[in-house]
Protein backbone atom coordinates (compact mmCIF):
# COMPACT_ATOMS: atom_id res chain seq x y z
CA MET A 1 116.77 131.78 198.83
CA VAL A 2 120.27 130.87 200.08
CA VAL A 3 119.03 130.66 203.67
CA GLU A 4 116.04 128.53 202.66
CA HIS A 5 118.31 126.26 200.64
CA ASP A 6 120.69 125.77 203.57
CA GLU A 7 117.80 124.99 205.93
CA PHE A 8 116.33 122.50 203.47
CA ILE A 9 119.66 120.69 202.99
CA SER A 10 120.30 120.59 206.77
CA GLY A 11 116.88 119.10 207.43
CA LEU A 12 117.29 116.62 204.59
CA LEU A 13 120.63 115.38 205.96
CA LYS A 14 119.16 114.93 209.44
CA LYS A 15 116.29 112.86 208.09
CA LEU A 16 118.60 110.74 205.96
CA LYS A 17 120.73 109.91 209.03
CA SER A 18 117.63 108.92 211.01
CA ASP A 19 115.56 105.80 210.47
CA ASP A 20 112.32 107.71 209.82
CA THR A 21 112.29 108.65 206.14
CA ASP A 22 108.55 108.37 205.46
CA ASP A 23 107.96 112.12 205.47
CA LEU A 24 110.73 112.84 202.96
CA GLN A 25 109.59 114.63 199.78
CA ASP A 26 111.29 114.53 196.43
CA PRO A 27 112.38 118.12 195.64
CA PHE A 28 112.19 117.40 191.89
CA GLN A 29 108.57 116.31 192.30
CA MET A 30 107.85 119.63 193.99
CA VAL A 31 109.31 121.51 191.02
CA ASP A 32 107.25 119.37 188.65
CA ASN A 33 104.07 120.27 190.49
CA ILE A 34 104.85 123.98 190.13
CA GLU A 35 105.84 123.80 186.45
CA LYS A 36 102.57 122.19 185.42
CA TRP A 37 100.90 125.62 185.50
CA PRO A 38 101.23 127.66 182.25
CA ILE A 39 103.62 130.61 182.33
CA HIS A 40 102.59 133.98 180.92
CA ASN A 41 104.43 134.98 177.70
CA GLN A 42 105.21 138.68 177.85
CA ASN A 43 106.35 138.79 174.21
CA GLN A 44 102.95 137.75 172.86
CA PRO A 45 101.07 140.61 171.06
CA TRP A 46 98.36 142.06 173.27
CA ARG A 47 95.62 141.37 170.69
CA GLN A 48 96.42 137.64 170.94
CA LYS A 49 96.57 137.48 174.73
CA LYS A 50 93.82 135.46 176.40
CA PRO A 51 93.51 134.68 180.12
CA ILE A 52 94.16 131.05 181.06
CA VAL A 53 93.16 129.44 184.36
CA GLY A 54 96.26 128.81 186.45
CA GLU A 55 98.47 131.05 184.33
CA ARG A 56 101.28 132.52 186.39
CA LYS A 57 102.70 135.96 185.74
CA ASP A 58 105.76 136.60 187.91
CA GLU A 59 106.60 136.79 191.61
CA SER A 60 105.46 140.41 191.87
CA SER A 61 102.17 139.89 189.99
CA PHE A 62 99.28 137.41 190.27
CA GLN A 63 97.95 134.05 189.11
CA VAL A 64 94.61 133.32 187.43
CA VAL A 65 92.84 130.83 189.74
CA SER A 66 89.30 130.94 188.31
CA MET A 67 87.55 132.33 185.26
CA TRP A 68 84.05 132.48 183.77
CA ASN A 69 84.00 132.28 179.97
CA ASP A 70 80.24 132.80 179.51
CA HIS A 71 78.75 136.17 180.43
CA ASN A 72 75.15 137.34 180.27
CA CYS A 73 75.85 140.93 181.26
CA SER A 74 75.66 143.75 178.71
CA ARG A 75 78.80 145.11 177.04
CA LYS A 76 80.31 148.15 178.75
CA PHE A 77 81.79 150.87 176.54
CA ARG A 78 82.69 153.40 179.23
CA PHE A 79 85.83 152.78 181.21
CA GLY A 80 85.93 155.78 183.52
CA SER A 81 89.37 156.68 184.79
CA LEU A 82 91.08 154.01 182.67
CA VAL A 83 90.66 156.19 179.55
CA THR A 84 92.15 159.62 180.27
CA TYR A 85 92.60 162.59 177.96
CA LYS A 86 96.39 162.10 178.07
CA TRP A 87 96.01 158.50 176.94
CA ILE A 88 93.77 159.61 174.06
CA GLY A 89 96.21 162.37 173.12
CA ARG A 90 99.17 159.95 173.07
CA GLN A 91 97.33 157.33 171.02
CA PHE A 92 96.09 159.75 168.34
CA ARG A 93 98.69 162.53 168.48
CA ASN A 94 99.93 161.97 164.92
CA LYS A 95 96.44 162.29 163.44
CA ILE A 96 95.68 165.35 165.57
CA ARG A 97 98.97 167.06 164.66
CA ALA A 98 98.52 166.29 160.98
CA ASN A 99 95.07 167.88 161.13
CA PRO A 100 94.99 170.53 163.89
CA SER A 101 91.43 171.52 162.90
CA ILE A 102 90.09 168.00 163.49
CA LYS A 103 86.62 167.99 165.06
CA LEU A 104 85.93 166.54 168.49
CA VAL A 105 83.40 164.11 167.08
CA GLU A 106 86.05 162.79 164.69
CA ILE A 107 88.40 162.08 167.62
CA SER A 108 85.55 160.31 169.40
CA ASP A 109 84.90 158.17 166.32
CA LEU A 110 88.59 157.26 166.09
CA VAL A 111 88.62 156.05 169.70
CA MET A 112 85.46 154.01 169.19
CA LYS A 113 86.68 152.37 165.97
CA LYS A 114 90.07 151.40 167.33
CA TYR A 115 89.44 150.69 171.03
CA LYS A 116 85.64 150.21 171.25
CA CYS A 117 85.10 152.69 174.05
CA ILE A 118 83.03 155.85 174.42
CA VAL A 119 84.69 159.15 175.33
CA THR A 120 83.12 162.51 176.03
CA PRO A 121 83.61 165.74 174.04
CA THR A 122 85.38 167.19 177.08
CA GLN A 123 87.91 164.34 177.01
CA CYS A 124 88.41 164.83 173.27
CA ARG A 125 88.95 168.58 173.67
CA ALA A 126 91.49 168.04 176.43
CA ALA A 127 93.22 165.29 174.41
CA LYS A 128 93.45 167.59 171.37
CA ASN A 129 94.92 170.44 173.41
CA TYR A 130 97.35 168.04 175.08
CA ALA A 131 98.58 166.60 171.75
CA LEU A 132 99.04 170.05 170.20
CA ALA A 133 100.73 171.45 173.31
CA GLU A 134 103.16 168.54 173.41
CA PHE A 135 103.85 169.04 169.72
CA GLN A 136 104.51 172.76 170.22
CA ARG A 137 106.99 172.02 173.00
CA SER A 138 108.66 169.46 170.75
CA ILE A 139 108.89 172.05 167.95
CA GLU A 140 110.49 174.59 170.29
CA GLU A 141 113.03 172.01 171.43
CA HIS A 142 113.89 171.15 167.83
CA TYR A 143 114.37 174.78 166.84
CA GLY A 144 116.59 175.20 169.88
CA MET A 145 118.84 172.43 168.56
CA LEU A 146 119.10 173.73 164.99
CA ARG A 147 122.56 175.25 165.40
CA SER A 148 123.93 172.05 166.90
CA TYR A 149 122.30 170.14 164.07
CA ALA A 150 123.92 172.46 161.53
CA ASP A 151 127.34 171.95 163.15
CA GLU A 152 126.92 168.18 162.92
CA LEU A 153 125.93 168.42 159.25
CA LEU A 154 129.02 170.46 158.50
CA ALA A 155 131.23 167.98 160.34
CA SER A 156 129.80 164.95 158.52
CA ASN A 157 129.39 166.58 155.07
CA PRO A 158 132.60 168.45 154.17
CA GLY A 159 132.13 171.07 151.49
CA SER A 160 128.55 171.95 152.44
CA THR A 161 127.41 175.45 153.36
CA ILE A 162 124.71 176.06 155.98
CA ASN A 163 123.29 179.42 156.97
CA ILE A 164 120.78 179.84 159.80
CA GLY A 165 118.74 183.03 160.05
CA VAL A 166 116.40 184.06 162.88
CA THR A 167 113.13 185.90 162.23
CA ARG A 168 110.74 187.12 164.92
CA ASN A 169 107.07 186.37 164.38
CA PRO A 170 104.81 189.44 163.98
CA ASP A 171 103.18 188.65 167.35
CA GLY A 172 106.62 188.58 168.99
CA LYS A 173 105.81 185.45 171.00
CA SER A 174 108.30 183.01 169.53
CA TYR A 175 111.29 182.67 167.26
CA PHE A 176 111.65 180.50 164.20
CA ASP A 177 114.94 179.61 162.61
CA ARG A 178 115.02 179.27 158.87
CA MET A 179 117.56 176.81 157.69
CA TYR A 180 119.20 177.24 154.34
CA ILE A 181 121.14 174.28 153.04
CA CYS A 182 123.25 175.26 150.08
CA LEU A 183 125.28 173.05 147.84
CA LYS A 184 128.73 174.59 147.63
CA GLY A 185 129.97 174.92 144.12
CA LEU A 186 126.53 174.61 142.53
CA LYS A 187 126.50 178.23 141.44
CA GLU A 188 130.00 177.98 139.98
CA GLY A 189 129.08 174.72 138.24
CA TRP A 190 126.22 176.37 136.39
CA LYS A 191 128.43 179.30 135.44
CA ARG A 192 130.94 176.88 133.89
CA GLY A 193 128.16 175.23 131.91
CA CYS A 194 128.07 171.99 133.95
CA ARG A 195 124.35 171.38 133.54
CA LYS A 196 124.12 167.70 134.39
CA VAL A 197 121.38 168.46 136.90
CA ILE A 198 119.04 168.98 134.03
CA ALA A 199 115.57 169.42 135.46
CA LEU A 200 114.57 171.20 138.65
CA ASP A 201 110.91 170.57 139.40
CA GLY A 202 109.98 172.70 142.39
CA CYS A 203 107.01 172.73 144.75
CA PHE A 204 105.92 174.25 148.06
CA MET A 205 104.90 171.89 150.84
CA LYS A 206 102.96 173.21 153.81
CA SER A 207 104.00 171.91 157.20
CA PRO A 208 102.92 172.94 160.70
CA ALA A 209 106.49 172.36 161.80
CA ILE A 210 108.26 174.83 159.51
CA GLY A 211 105.56 176.66 157.54
CA GLU A 212 106.58 175.84 153.99
CA LEU A 213 109.18 173.42 152.67
CA LEU A 214 110.55 174.24 149.23
CA THR A 215 111.81 171.18 147.41
CA ALA A 216 113.54 170.86 144.06
CA ILE A 217 113.62 167.56 142.20
CA GLY A 218 116.27 166.72 139.62
CA ARG A 219 116.52 163.83 137.17
CA ASP A 220 119.48 161.49 137.29
CA GLY A 221 121.08 159.68 134.39
CA ASN A 222 118.46 156.91 134.50
CA ASN A 223 115.55 159.39 134.43
CA HIS A 224 114.81 158.71 138.12
CA ILE A 225 114.20 161.39 140.72
CA TYR A 226 117.19 163.00 142.43
CA PRO A 227 116.06 165.31 145.27
CA ILE A 228 118.05 168.53 145.64
CA GLY A 229 117.69 170.26 149.03
CA PHE A 230 118.11 174.01 148.83
CA ILE A 231 116.28 177.25 149.60
CA GLU A 232 118.65 180.20 149.80
CA VAL A 233 120.69 178.94 146.85
CA VAL A 234 117.68 179.36 144.53
CA LYS A 235 118.29 183.03 143.95
CA TYR A 236 121.91 182.33 143.02
CA MET A 237 121.33 179.29 140.84
CA LEU A 238 118.09 179.88 138.94
CA PRO A 239 119.40 182.81 136.87
CA TYR A 240 121.71 180.29 135.18
CA ALA A 241 119.03 177.62 134.77
CA GLU A 242 116.32 177.36 132.14
CA HIS A 243 112.85 178.17 133.44
CA ARG A 244 110.14 175.76 132.29
CA GLN A 245 106.48 175.43 133.14
CA CYS A 246 104.86 172.06 133.70
CA ALA A 247 102.81 171.30 130.59
CA ARG A 248 100.41 169.17 132.64
CA HIS A 249 99.56 172.16 134.81
CA ILE A 250 99.05 174.27 131.69
CA TYR A 251 96.75 171.61 130.25
CA GLU A 252 94.70 171.34 133.46
CA GLY A 253 93.75 174.99 133.08
CA PHE A 254 93.31 174.63 129.31
CA ARG A 255 90.92 171.65 129.46
CA LYS A 256 88.56 173.42 131.87
CA ARG A 257 87.71 175.77 129.01
CA TYR A 258 88.40 173.62 125.98
CA SER A 259 87.72 169.99 126.77
CA GLY A 260 87.54 167.01 124.46
CA VAL A 261 89.84 164.48 122.83
CA LEU A 262 90.66 166.77 119.89
CA PHE A 263 91.91 169.67 122.02
CA ARG A 264 93.83 167.27 124.28
CA SER A 265 95.59 165.68 121.31
CA MET A 266 96.48 169.02 119.75
CA PHE A 267 97.77 170.48 123.01
CA TRP A 268 100.17 167.61 123.68
CA SER A 269 101.29 167.64 120.05
CA ALA A 270 102.16 171.32 120.44
CA SER A 271 103.88 170.72 123.76
CA LYS A 272 106.03 167.85 122.45
CA ALA A 273 106.84 169.41 119.08
CA SER A 274 110.63 169.48 118.98
CA TYR A 275 111.15 172.25 116.40
CA PRO A 276 109.35 175.57 115.76
CA GLN A 277 107.93 174.67 112.35
CA LEU A 278 106.06 171.67 113.78
CA PHE A 279 104.81 173.75 116.71
CA GLU A 280 103.48 176.42 114.38
CA LYS A 281 101.71 173.80 112.27
CA VAL A 282 99.90 172.36 115.30
CA MET A 283 99.00 175.80 116.64
CA LYS A 284 97.57 176.68 113.25
CA ASP A 285 95.25 173.67 113.54
CA ILE A 286 94.20 174.81 117.03
CA LYS A 287 93.53 178.32 115.75
CA SER A 288 91.35 177.03 112.92
CA THR A 289 89.39 174.95 115.44
CA ASP A 290 88.87 177.72 118.00
CA PRO A 291 90.78 181.04 117.90
CA ARG A 292 90.12 181.58 121.60
CA ALA A 293 91.94 178.33 122.46
CA TYR A 294 94.88 179.53 120.36
CA ASP A 295 94.97 182.88 122.20
CA TYR A 296 94.75 181.15 125.58
CA LEU A 297 97.81 178.99 124.91
CA MET A 298 99.85 181.78 123.36
CA ASP A 299 99.24 183.89 126.49
CA LYS A 300 100.86 181.13 128.56
CA ASN A 301 104.33 181.74 127.06
CA PRO A 302 104.89 178.65 124.84
CA LYS A 303 108.67 179.09 125.16
CA SER A 304 108.38 177.71 128.69
CA TRP A 305 106.18 174.66 128.01
CA SER A 306 106.93 173.53 124.44
CA ARG A 307 110.01 171.53 123.39
CA ALA A 308 110.23 173.61 120.24
CA PHE A 309 111.78 176.46 122.25
CA PHE A 310 113.72 174.64 124.97
CA LYS A 311 117.45 175.29 125.09
CA LEU A 312 119.75 172.61 123.71
CA ASN A 313 122.47 170.69 125.53
CA ARG A 314 120.45 170.36 128.76
CA ALA A 315 119.97 166.62 128.19
CA CYS A 316 116.31 166.87 129.21
CA ASP A 317 113.35 166.91 126.83
CA ARG A 318 110.64 166.51 129.50
CA VAL A 319 107.66 168.87 129.43
CA GLU A 320 106.09 167.98 132.80
CA ASN A 321 107.31 167.76 136.40
CA GLY A 322 105.46 164.76 137.79
CA PHE A 323 108.66 163.89 139.65
CA SER A 324 107.75 166.52 142.24
CA GLU A 325 104.48 164.73 142.98
CA CYS A 326 106.42 161.47 143.26
CA PHE A 327 108.71 162.97 145.88
CA ASN A 328 105.74 164.57 147.65
CA SER A 329 104.15 161.16 148.13
CA VAL A 330 107.40 159.83 149.64
CA ILE A 331 107.65 162.51 152.33
CA LEU A 332 103.90 162.92 152.89
CA SER A 333 104.00 161.04 156.20
CA VAL A 334 106.98 162.97 157.61
CA ARG A 335 106.47 166.56 156.56
CA ASN A 336 104.28 167.32 159.62
CA LYS A 337 106.92 166.20 162.11
CA PRO A 338 109.20 168.56 164.08
CA ILE A 339 111.86 170.14 161.91
CA ILE A 340 114.92 168.05 162.84
CA THR A 341 112.92 164.82 162.81
CA MET A 342 111.61 165.77 159.38
CA PHE A 343 115.09 166.63 158.06
CA GLU A 344 116.58 163.41 159.39
CA THR A 345 113.74 161.27 158.00
CA ILE A 346 114.04 162.83 154.56
CA ARG A 347 117.83 162.44 154.69
CA SER A 348 117.45 158.76 155.56
CA ILE A 349 114.95 158.23 152.74
CA ILE A 350 117.28 159.84 150.22
CA MET A 351 120.33 157.97 151.51
CA GLU A 352 118.51 154.64 151.27
CA MET A 353 117.24 155.48 147.78
CA GLN A 354 120.75 156.31 146.57
CA ASP A 355 122.07 153.06 148.02
CA VAL A 356 119.37 151.13 146.15
CA MET A 357 120.34 152.91 142.92
CA ARG A 358 124.01 152.09 143.45
CA ARG A 359 123.20 148.41 143.88
CA LEU A 360 120.94 148.46 140.83
CA CYS A 361 123.76 149.95 138.76
CA LEU A 362 125.86 146.88 139.44
CA ARG A 363 123.25 144.76 137.65
CA TRP A 364 123.21 146.81 134.44
CA LYS A 365 124.10 144.78 131.37
CA THR A 366 126.07 147.70 129.91
CA ASP A 367 127.43 150.93 131.35
CA ILE A 368 124.43 152.84 129.88
CA SER A 369 121.41 153.22 132.16
CA PRO A 370 118.47 150.94 131.24
CA SER A 371 115.89 153.64 130.47
CA ILE A 372 118.33 155.41 128.14
CA GLN A 373 119.21 152.12 126.47
CA ASN A 374 115.51 151.54 125.81
CA ARG A 375 115.25 154.92 124.07
CA ILE A 376 118.29 154.10 121.96
CA GLU A 377 116.75 150.77 120.94
CA TRP A 378 113.57 152.59 119.87
CA ALA A 379 115.59 155.07 117.80
CA LYS A 380 117.56 152.22 116.21
CA ASP A 381 114.30 150.58 115.23
CA GLN A 382 112.78 153.77 113.74
CA GLN A 383 115.87 154.64 111.69
CA ARG A 384 114.83 152.11 109.02
CA PHE A 385 112.26 154.59 107.68
CA TRP A 386 114.93 157.24 106.96
CA LYS A 387 117.50 157.33 104.17
CA PRO A 388 120.77 159.29 104.73
CA PHE A 389 122.59 161.26 102.01
CA HIS A 390 126.14 162.51 102.52
CA ALA A 391 126.49 166.28 102.09
CA GLY A 392 130.25 166.45 102.70
CA GLY A 393 132.42 166.27 105.80
CA SER A 394 130.30 165.47 108.87
CA HIS A 395 127.13 166.89 107.29
CA TRP A 396 124.29 164.60 106.24
CA GLU A 397 120.75 164.96 104.98
CA VAL A 398 118.19 162.37 106.06
CA ARG A 399 114.95 162.00 104.06
CA GLN A 400 111.57 160.30 104.26
CA LEU A 401 109.09 161.21 101.54
CA TYR A 402 108.61 164.99 101.82
CA GLU A 403 110.44 165.41 105.14
CA ALA A 404 114.18 166.08 105.49
CA PHE A 405 116.50 166.85 108.38
CA LYS A 406 120.13 167.91 108.65
CA VAL A 407 122.48 165.83 110.83
CA ASN A 408 126.00 166.68 111.96
CA VAL A 409 127.61 163.68 113.66
CA ASP A 410 130.66 165.61 114.89
CA GLU A 411 128.57 168.30 116.59
CA LYS A 412 125.93 165.73 117.63
CA THR A 413 123.07 167.79 116.28
CA CYS A 414 119.97 167.18 114.17
CA SER A 415 117.60 169.82 112.83
CA CYS A 416 114.71 167.98 114.53
CA ARG A 417 116.44 169.15 117.75
CA MET A 418 115.71 165.92 119.66
CA TRP A 419 119.38 164.89 119.76
CA GLY A 420 120.33 168.26 121.25
CA LEU A 421 117.35 168.29 123.63
CA SER A 422 117.70 164.81 125.08
CA GLY A 423 121.40 164.06 124.53
CA ILE A 424 120.36 160.73 122.94
CA PRO A 425 120.73 160.07 119.20
CA CYS A 426 117.38 160.43 117.40
CA PRO A 427 116.24 158.06 114.58
CA HIS A 428 117.70 160.45 111.96
CA ALA A 429 121.07 160.42 113.72
CA CYS A 430 120.96 156.63 114.08
CA ALA A 431 120.44 156.28 110.33
CA VAL A 432 123.62 158.28 109.71
CA ILE A 433 125.57 156.51 112.46
CA PHE A 434 124.74 153.12 110.97
CA LYS A 435 125.71 154.42 107.55
CA ILE A 436 129.23 155.23 108.77
CA ASN A 437 129.46 151.81 110.49
CA LYS A 438 129.40 153.07 114.08
CA ARG A 439 127.26 152.37 117.14
CA PRO A 440 124.69 154.87 118.51
CA GLU A 441 125.79 153.88 122.03
CA ASP A 442 129.16 155.50 121.33
CA TYR A 443 127.42 158.89 121.08
CA VAL A 444 125.68 158.70 124.47
CA PRO A 445 127.08 161.35 126.88
CA GLY A 446 128.84 160.39 130.08
CA TRP A 447 126.11 161.42 132.54
CA PHE A 448 123.86 158.63 131.18
CA ARG A 449 126.52 156.04 131.95
CA ARG A 450 127.47 154.15 135.07
């Protein structure tokens, strides 16, 4: 371009010095003639791209000089060498890896629906093998980097403990590392009675990348999910934790044999009964309705699914573990990825969730979490039906018609057990607290506060 520019300027100067200037051309007019053609926009989405006559690509490409918009020929759905098995495998690898048993006809349908082209069963078989082989190589690479990944976790998360064990497959063809992420101090915390992580809802998640992923879901102070990542630490921690069964899972088995609105109502009344006498009353009604239903529920160990037998001072009165399903739905799209990619994606999800919760905390009207404040407001409203009587010291008796409960404001207990189960003052406690001119919010424990 420099040489051409010099030659053009030299010729222009010669013509300007001479008298013959008729053959001079305006260089700006030349540029204007070139710029009148449309220029191809490479940033435009491919679905919106349409060929335009005269459109220029770039110096190394081509220009559209003619085009026929109307065609009478039939539509062609086979594209020969343009659609290869590798291209199919790359385009649909995620669906193939998520479902390794996918049928060839299903892959063919996917290609037709998305790209409107016909592929053969042979192409689909080769594409499936290619996608799975690439995935297997990716898995092997990830397992090979596990120790480096563990070192980076230790460097960026002081106080953590990571153990990596190696187990040979029975066929002896490959190795798989099992990664155990332990929370240091968790065992000691439970021994000391620090039970702020009050509910551990566990589940197994199958994954072609690691076999099974065991997750445990806790509840934070606002009754939102708080994922806890651990595997090896289970055997150290669970002996100090209370074992509960999910009442919803118990009911799913129960309703297959004893369906109907009556049985459903009685089951949930028994599950949510907060003290043994109420539980026994409901179970007596079930027994009178159908003794076999009574025997079925008693065989399921009611101490693990009814509030009437839960331990106190755990600050959790929940009888079901739907939080696990909530967390499952969050990681559903990532659990079939290679192990390090899966770990990092889950870590990013949790980190983002915690950041959202921190920012939400700044908008709280008080230092008590909103969901807990709503429960307190309900208890404050229901206290009007109960009348407190002072029994001396910090002991009170609260009555409504033929019912009566004992309340101790110093020990923060009520014989209905709801105060001890949830950590939140019940209506009976609120009646006493108002009687002594205090606020129920003053009796909310610290782990429900900002």
